[in-house]
Structure formats: structure tokens, C-alpha cells
């Protein structure tokens, strides 16, 4: 999986999890310790997301890292 595909997959998973759990994008940004705009870019597959941010999401939603990155 190339970088661009991975970013888009993570973005789709972030949006799916956020909506399933009724979490706002502002709340997600706070969970990930990033600005709302940075989170907005992550969700749209435009920003490079750090592993530490993915780990925070995995812990919050009790999901595996494999699930979040689409494996």
C-alpha cells in the first residue's frame, strides 16, 4: 500500500469511527492532540498522520492499529 492510499484509508476509518461513536471532529482533534484543521486534513487523507496519533485513536476506540490502517 502506498503512502497516499494509506492516508486515504486511515481518513476513511477515522470518519467511520467518529460517526459510529457520535464524536465530533473537534473532539477527535482533542483526542489526537492536534488542531481541528489538522484533523480535518487527516480525515480527508491529505495530511501525514504520525503513529502516535493513530495509537491515540486506537486506544480511544479500542481498535487495533491494523484495523485503523486498513489491514
PDB file of N, CA and C in Angstrom:
ATOM      1  N   UNK A   1       0.858  -1.173   0.000  1.00  0.00           N
ATOM      2  CA  UNK A   1       0.000   0.000   0.000  1.00  0.00           C
ATOM      3  C   UNK A   1       0.905   1.238   0.000  1.00  0.00           C
ATOM      4  N   UNK A   2       0.663   2.140  -0.939  1.00  0.00           N
ATOM      5  CA  UNK A   2       1.493   3.338  -0.987  1.00  0.00           C
ATOM      6  C   UNK A   2       1.014   4.376   0.030  1.00  0.00           C
ATOM      7  N   UNK A   3       1.808   5.418   0.213  1.00  0.00           N
ATOM      8  CA  UNK A   3       1.535   6.429   1.249  1.00  0.00           C
ATOM      9  C   UNK A   3       0.177   7.100   1.053  1.00  0.00           C
ATOM     10  N   UNK A   4      -0.132   7.483  -0.176  1.00  0.00           N
ATOM     11  CA  UNK A   4      -1.381   8.188  -0.451  1.00  0.00           C
ATOM     12  C   UNK A   4      -2.593   7.292  -0.172  1.00  0.00           C
ATOM     13  N   UNK A   5      -2.507   6.034  -0.575  1.00  0.00           N
ATOM     14  CA  UNK A   5      -3.598   5.087  -0.328  1.00  0.00           C
ATOM     15  C   UNK A   5      -3.781   4.866   1.169  1.00  0.00           C
ATOM     16  N   UNK A   6      -2.678   4.741   1.881  1.00  0.00           N
ATOM     17  CA  UNK A   6      -2.730   4.535   3.333  1.00  0.00           C
ATOM     18  C   UNK A   6      -3.370   5.735   4.024  1.00  0.00           C
ATOM     19  N   UNK A   7      -2.998   6.953   3.616  1.00  0.00           N
ATOM     20  CA  UNK A   7      -3.574   8.159   4.211  1.00  0.00           C
ATOM     21  C   UNK A   7      -5.085   8.197   3.985  1.00  0.00           C
ATOM     22  N   UNK A   8      -5.524   7.848   2.793  1.00  0.00           N
ATOM     23  CA  UNK A   8      -6.957   7.866   2.492  1.00  0.00           C
ATOM     24  C   UNK A   8      -7.698   6.803   3.295  1.00  0.00           C
ATOM     25  N   UNK A   9      -7.087   5.624   3.431  1.00  0.00           N
ATOM     26  CA  UNK A   9      -7.702   4.551   4.211  1.00  0.00           C
ATOM     27  C   UNK A   9      -7.843   4.956   5.670  1.00  0.00           C
ATOM     28  N   UNK A  10      -6.793   5.517   6.237  1.00  0.00           N
ATOM     29  CA  UNK A  10      -6.852   5.978   7.628  1.00  0.00           C
ATOM     30  C   UNK A  10      -7.926   7.046   7.774  1.00  0.00           C
ATOM     31  N   UNK A  11      -7.980   7.963   6.832  1.00  0.00           N
ATOM     32  CA  UNK A  11      -9.001   9.011   6.874  1.00  0.00           C
ATOM     33  C   UNK A  11     -10.410   8.448   6.871  1.00  0.00           C
ATOM     34  N   UNK A  12     -10.653   7.456   6.031  1.00  0.00           N
ATOM     35  CA  UNK A  12     -11.979   6.824   5.976  1.00  0.00           C
ATOM     36  C   UNK A  12     -12.310   6.140   7.298  1.00  0.00           C
ATOM     37  N   UNK A  13     -11.307   5.462   7.883  1.00  0.00           N
ATOM     38  CA  UNK A  13     -11.538   4.775   9.168  1.00  0.00           C
ATOM     39  C   UNK A  13     -11.794   5.792  10.282  1.00  0.00           C
ATOM     40  N   UNK A  14     -11.067   6.905  10.272  1.00  0.00           N
ATOM     41  CA  UNK A  14     -11.286   7.938  11.287  1.00  0.00           C
ATOM     42  C   UNK A  14     -12.718   8.458  11.209  1.00  0.00           C
ATOM     43  N   UNK A  15     -13.160   8.776  10.008  1.00  0.00           N
ATOM     44  CA  UNK A  15     -14.513   9.303   9.820  1.00  0.00           C
ATOM     45  C   UNK A  15     -15.556   8.265  10.246  1.00  0.00           C
ATOM     46  N   UNK A  16     -15.344   7.012   9.845  1.00  0.00           N
ATOM     47  CA  UNK A  16     -16.290   5.938  10.186  1.00  0.00           C
ATOM     48  C   UNK A  16     -16.397   5.770  11.695  1.00  0.00           C
ATOM     49  N   UNK A  17     -15.265   5.681  12.377  1.00  0.00           N
ATOM     50  CA  UNK A  17     -15.270   5.512  13.827  1.00  0.00           C
ATOM     51  C   UNK A  17     -15.905   6.710  14.519  1.00  0.00           C
ATOM     52  N   UNK A  18     -15.543   7.895  14.055  1.00  0.00           N
ATOM     53  CA  UNK A  18     -16.078   9.120  14.659  1.00  0.00           C
ATOM     54  C   UNK A  18     -17.596   9.143  14.557  1.00  0.00           C
ATOM     55  N   UNK A  19     -18.117   8.835  13.393  1.00  0.00           N
ATOM     56  CA  UNK A  19     -19.567   8.868  13.191  1.00  0.00           C
ATOM     57  C   UNK A  19     -20.278   7.759  13.955  1.00  0.00           C
ATOM     58  N   UNK A  20     -19.709   6.566  13.969  1.00  0.00           N
ATOM     59  CA  UNK A  20     -20.313   5.437  14.688  1.00  0.00           C
ATOM     60  C   UNK A  20     -20.438   5.713  16.183  1.00  0.00           C
ATOM     61  N   UNK A  21     -19.514   6.492  16.707  1.00  0.00           N
ATOM     62  CA  UNK A  21     -19.480   6.759  18.148  1.00  0.00           C
ATOM     63  C   UNK A  21     -19.953   8.166  18.506  1.00  0.00           C
ATOM     64  N   UNK A  22     -20.536   8.858  17.514  1.00  0.00           N
ATOM     65  CA  UNK A  22     -21.069  10.210  17.734  1.00  0.00           C
ATOM     66  C   UNK A  22     -20.055  11.158  18.375  1.00  0.00           C
ATOM     67  N   UNK A  23     -18.863  11.161  17.807  1.00  0.00           N
ATOM     68  CA  UNK A  23     -17.795  12.037  18.280  1.00  0.00           C
ATOM     69  C   UNK A  23     -17.620  13.142  17.235  1.00  0.00           C
ATOM     70  N   UNK A  24     -17.529  14.375  17.684  1.00  0.00           N
ATOM     71  CA  UNK A  24     -17.351  15.488  16.744  1.00  0.00           C
ATOM     72  C   UNK A  24     -15.903  15.549  16.254  1.00  0.00           C
ATOM     73  N   UNK A  25     -15.699  16.242  15.163  1.00  0.00           N
ATOM     74  CA  UNK A  25     -14.335  16.398  14.651  1.00  0.00           C
ATOM     75  C   UNK A  25     -13.486  17.213  15.630  1.00  0.00           C
ATOM     76  N   UNK A  26     -14.100  18.140  16.329  1.00  0.00           N
ATOM     77  CA  UNK A  26     -13.357  18.907  17.341  1.00  0.00           C
ATOM     78  C   UNK A  26     -12.920  18.005  18.492  1.00  0.00           C
ATOM     79  N   UNK A  27     -13.799  17.076  18.885  1.00  0.00           N
ATOM     80  CA  UNK A  27     -13.440  16.137  19.944  1.00  0.00           C
ATOM     81  C   UNK A  27     -12.306  15.214  19.477  1.00  0.00           C
ATOM     82  N   UNK A  28     -12.382  14.782  18.221  1.00  0.00           N
ATOM     83  CA  UNK A  28     -11.331  13.923  17.674  1.00  0.00           C
ATOM     84  C   UNK A  28      -9.985  14.649  17.672  1.00  0.00           C
ATOM     85  N   UNK A  29     -10.008  15.905  17.291  1.00  0.00           N
ATOM     86  CA  UNK A  29      -8.776  16.687  17.286  1.00  0.00           C
ATOM     87  C   UNK A  29      -8.181  16.743  18.699  1.00  0.00           C
ATOM     88  N   UNK A  30      -9.043  16.910  19.678  1.00  0.00           N
ATOM     89  CA  UNK A  30      -8.578  16.963  21.071  1.00  0.00           C
ATOM     90  C   UNK A  30      -8.000  15.615  21.503  1.00  0.00           C
ATOM     91  N   UNK A  31      -8.672  14.521  21.138  1.00  0.00           N
ATOM     92  CA  UNK A  31      -8.194  13.172  21.462  1.00  0.00           C
ATOM     93  C   UNK A  31      -6.808  12.946  20.865  1.00  0.00           C
ATOM     94  N   UNK A  32      -6.640  13.408  19.626  1.00  0.00           N
ATOM     95  CA  UNK A  32      -5.377  13.191  18.916  1.00  0.00           C
ATOM     96  C   UNK A  32      -4.326  14.244  19.242  1.00  0.00           C
ATOM     97  N   UNK A  33      -4.731  15.276  19.992  1.00  0.00           N
ATOM     98  CA  UNK A  33      -3.845  16.374  20.383  1.00  0.00           C
ATOM     99  C   UNK A  33      -3.294  17.104  19.162  1.00  0.00           C
ATOM    100  N   UNK A  34      -4.215  17.429  18.247  1.00  0.00           N
ATOM    101  CA  UNK A  34      -3.884  18.219  17.052  1.00  0.00           C
ATOM    102  C   UNK A  34      -4.944  19.304  16.902  1.00  0.00           C
ATOM    103  N   UNK A  35      -4.686  20.250  16.022  1.00  0.00           N
ATOM    104  CA  UNK A  35      -5.691  21.281  15.758  1.00  0.00           C
ATOM    105  C   UNK A  35      -6.850  20.675  14.981  1.00  0.00           C
ATOM    106  N   UNK A  36      -7.987  21.369  15.011  1.00  0.00           N
ATOM    107  CA  UNK A  36      -9.133  20.887  14.254  1.00  0.00           C
ATOM    108  C   UNK A  36      -8.794  20.808  12.765  1.00  0.00           C
ATOM    109  N   UNK A  37      -8.084  21.796  12.227  1.00  0.00           N
ATOM    110  CA  UNK A  37      -7.745  21.804  10.807  1.00  0.00           C
ATOM    111  C   UNK A  37      -6.846  20.624  10.442  1.00  0.00           C
ATOM    112  N   UNK A  38      -5.908  20.307  11.308  1.00  0.00           N
ATOM    113  CA  UNK A  38      -5.043  19.151  11.064  1.00  0.00           C
ATOM    114  C   UNK A  38      -5.873  17.881  11.041  1.00  0.00           C
ATOM    115  N   UNK A  39      -6.785  17.740  12.002  1.00  0.00           N
ATOM    116  CA  UNK A  39      -7.657  16.568  11.998  1.00  0.00           C
ATOM    117  C   UNK A  39      -8.485  16.525  10.708  1.00  0.00           C
ATOM    118  N   UNK A  40      -9.008  17.656  10.300  1.00  0.00           N
ATOM    119  CA  UNK A  40      -9.812  17.745   9.080  1.00  0.00           C
ATOM    120  C   UNK A  40      -9.011  17.193   7.895  1.00  0.00           C
ATOM    121  N   UNK A  41      -7.722  17.559   7.827  1.00  0.00           N
ATOM    122  CA  UNK A  41      -6.868  17.050   6.744  1.00  0.00           C
ATOM    123  C   UNK A  41      -6.664  15.539   6.866  1.00  0.00           C
ATOM    124  N   UNK A  42      -6.470  15.044   8.082  1.00  0.00           N
ATOM    125  CA  UNK A  42      -6.306  13.602   8.280  1.00  0.00           C
ATOM    126  C   UNK A  42      -7.523  12.854   7.754  1.00  0.00           C
ATOM    127  N   UNK A  43      -8.703  13.328   8.125  1.00  0.00           N
ATOM    128  CA  UNK A  43      -9.932  12.632   7.757  1.00  0.00           C
ATOM    129  C   UNK A  43     -10.137  12.604   6.246  1.00  0.00           C
ATOM    130  N   UNK A  44      -9.587  13.565   5.561  1.00  0.00           N
ATOM    131  CA  UNK A  44      -9.718  13.630   4.105  1.00  0.00           C
ATOM    132  C   UNK A  44      -8.515  13.027   3.380  1.00  0.00           C
ATOM    133  N   UNK A  45      -7.607  12.407   4.138  1.00  0.00           N
ATOM    134  CA  UNK A  45      -6.458  11.751   3.539  1.00  0.00           C
ATOM    135  C   UNK A  45      -5.421  12.699   2.983  1.00  0.00           C
ATOM    136  N   UNK A  46      -5.389  13.922   3.489  1.00  0.00           N
ATOM    137  CA  UNK A  46      -4.476  14.936   2.951  1.00  0.00           C
ATOM    138  C   UNK A  46      -3.261  15.186   3.824  1.00  0.00           C
ATOM    139  N   UNK A  47      -3.319  14.843   5.068  1.00  0.00           N
ATOM    140  CA  UNK A  47      -2.198  15.115   5.962  1.00  0.00           C
ATOM    141  C   UNK A  47      -1.459  13.841   6.314  1.00  0.00           C
ATOM    142  N   UNK A  48      -0.192  13.988   6.625  1.00  0.00           N
ATOM    143  CA  UNK A  48       0.603  12.836   7.061  1.00  0.00           C
ATOM    144  C   UNK A  48       0.398  12.656   8.554  1.00  0.00           C
ATOM    145  N   UNK A  49      -0.185  11.535   8.919  1.00  0.00           N
ATOM    146  CA  UNK A  49      -0.530  11.279  10.313  1.00  0.00           C
ATOM    147  C   UNK A  49       0.599  10.516  10.996  1.00  0.00           C
ATOM    148  N   UNK A  50       0.958  10.960  12.170  1.00  0.00           N
ATOM    149  CA  UNK A  50       2.021  10.306  12.933  1.00  0.00           C
ATOM    150  C   UNK A  50       1.471   9.081  13.657  1.00  0.00           C
ATOM    151  N   UNK A  51       2.334   8.109  13.877  1.00  0.00           N
ATOM    152  CA  UNK A  51       1.940   6.883  14.557  1.00  0.00           C
ATOM    153  C   UNK A  51       1.341   7.183  15.927  1.00  0.00           C
ATOM    154  N   UNK A  52       1.882   8.152  16.631  1.00  0.00           N
ATOM    155  CA  UNK A  52       1.363   8.479  17.968  1.00  0.00           C
ATOM    156  C   UNK A  52      -0.106   8.902  17.905  1.00  0.00           C
ATOM    157  N   UNK A  53      -0.500   9.568  16.825  1.00  0.00           N
ATOM    158  CA  UNK A  53      -1.896   9.972  16.668  1.00  0.00           C
ATOM    159  C   UNK A  53      -2.784   8.759  16.403  1.00  0.00           C
ATOM    160  N   UNK A  54      -2.302   7.837  15.588  1.00  0.00           N
ATOM    161  CA  UNK A  54      -3.066   6.620  15.293  1.00  0.00           C
ATOM    162  C   UNK A  54      -3.225   5.793  16.563  1.00  0.00           C
ATOM    163  N   UNK A  55      -2.197   5.743  17.376  1.00  0.00           N
ATOM    164  CA  UNK A  55      -2.258   4.992  18.641  1.00  0.00           C
ATOM    165  C   UNK A  55      -3.315   5.589  19.563  1.00  0.00           C
ATOM    166  N   UNK A  56      -3.386   6.915  19.649  1.00  0.00           N
ATOM    167  CA  UNK A  56      -4.407   7.551  20.499  1.00  0.00           C
ATOM    168  C   UNK A  56      -5.815   7.168  20.051  1.00  0.00           C
ATOM    169  N   UNK A  57      -6.022   7.148  18.741  1.00  0.00           N
ATOM    170  CA  UNK A  57      -7.333   6.775  18.197  1.00  0.00           C
ATOM    171  C   UNK A  57      -7.629   5.309  18.521  1.00  0.00           C
ATOM    172  N   UNK A  58      -6.651   4.438  18.324  1.00  0.00           N
ATOM    173  CA  UNK A  58      -6.836   3.011  18.592  1.00  0.00           C
ATOM    174  C   UNK A  58      -7.206   2.774  20.050  1.00  0.00           C
ATOM    175  N   UNK A  59      -6.534   3.463  20.947  1.00  0.00           N
ATOM    176  CA  UNK A  59      -6.833   3.310  22.377  1.00  0.00           C
ATOM    177  C   UNK A  59      -8.226   3.841  22.691  1.00  0.00           C
ATOM    178  N   UNK A  60      -8.546   5.013  22.184  1.00  0.00           N
ATOM    179  CA  UNK A  60      -9.842   5.630  22.476  1.00  0.00           C
ATOM    180  C   UNK A  60     -11.000   4.758  22.008  1.00  0.00           C
ATOM    181  N   UNK A  61     -10.895   4.209  20.794  1.00  0.00           N
ATOM    182  CA  UNK A  61     -11.992   3.413  20.241  1.00  0.00           C
ATOM    183  C   UNK A  61     -11.838   1.912  20.482  1.00  0.00           C
ATOM    184  N   UNK A  62     -10.756   1.539  21.170  1.00  0.00           N
ATOM    185  CA  UNK A  62     -10.470   0.130  21.460  1.00  0.00           C
ATOM    186  C   UNK A  62     -10.424  -0.701  20.176  1.00  0.00           C
ATOM    187  N   UNK A  63      -9.651  -0.209  19.219  1.00  0.00           N
ATOM    188  CA  UNK A  63      -9.458  -0.882  17.934  1.00  0.00           C
ATOM    189  C   UNK A  63      -7.975  -1.168  17.741  1.00  0.00           C
ATOM    190  N   UNK A  64      -7.677  -2.137  16.897  1.00  0.00           N
ATOM    191  CA  UNK A  64      -6.271  -2.438  16.609  1.00  0.00           C
ATOM    192  C   UNK A  64      -5.711  -1.427  15.609  1.00  0.00           C
ATOM    193  N   UNK A  65      -4.410  -1.286  15.633  1.00  0.00           N
ATOM    194  CA  UNK A  65      -3.756  -0.427  14.649  1.00  0.00           C
ATOM    195  C   UNK A  65      -3.978  -0.974  13.245  1.00  0.00           C
ATOM    196  N   UNK A  66      -3.978  -2.296  13.117  1.00  0.00           N
ATOM    197  CA  UNK A  66      -4.233  -2.915  11.817  1.00  0.00           C
ATOM    198  C   UNK A  66      -5.586  -2.475  11.253  1.00  0.00           C
ATOM    199  N   UNK A  67      -6.594  -2.452  12.094  1.00  0.00           N
ATOM    200  CA  UNK A  67      -7.919  -2.025  11.630  1.00  0.00           C
ATOM    201  C   UNK A  67      -7.882  -0.580  11.131  1.00  0.00           C
ATOM    202  N   UNK A  68      -7.251   0.285  11.878  1.00  0.00           N
ATOM    203  CA  UNK A  68      -7.252   1.710  11.532  1.00  0.00           C
ATOM    204  C   UNK A  68      -6.492   1.961  10.229  1.00  0.00           C
ATOM    205  N   UNK A  69      -5.407   1.238   9.999  1.00  0.00           N
ATOM    206  CA  UNK A  69      -4.659   1.452   8.758  1.00  0.00           C
ATOM    207  C   UNK A  69      -5.190   0.615   7.603  1.00  0.00           C
ATOM    208  N   UNK A  70      -6.206  -0.186   7.874  1.00  0.00           N
ATOM    209  CA  UNK A  70      -6.874  -0.902   6.797  1.00  0.00           C
ATOM    210  C   UNK A  70      -6.317  -2.255   6.449  1.00  0.00           C
ATOM    211  N   UNK A  71      -5.574  -2.844   7.354  1.00  0.00           N
ATOM    212  CA  UNK A  71      -5.014  -4.179   7.101  1.00  0.00           C
ATOM    213  C   UNK A  71      -5.969  -5.254   7.544  1.00  0.00           C
TER     214      UNK A  71
END
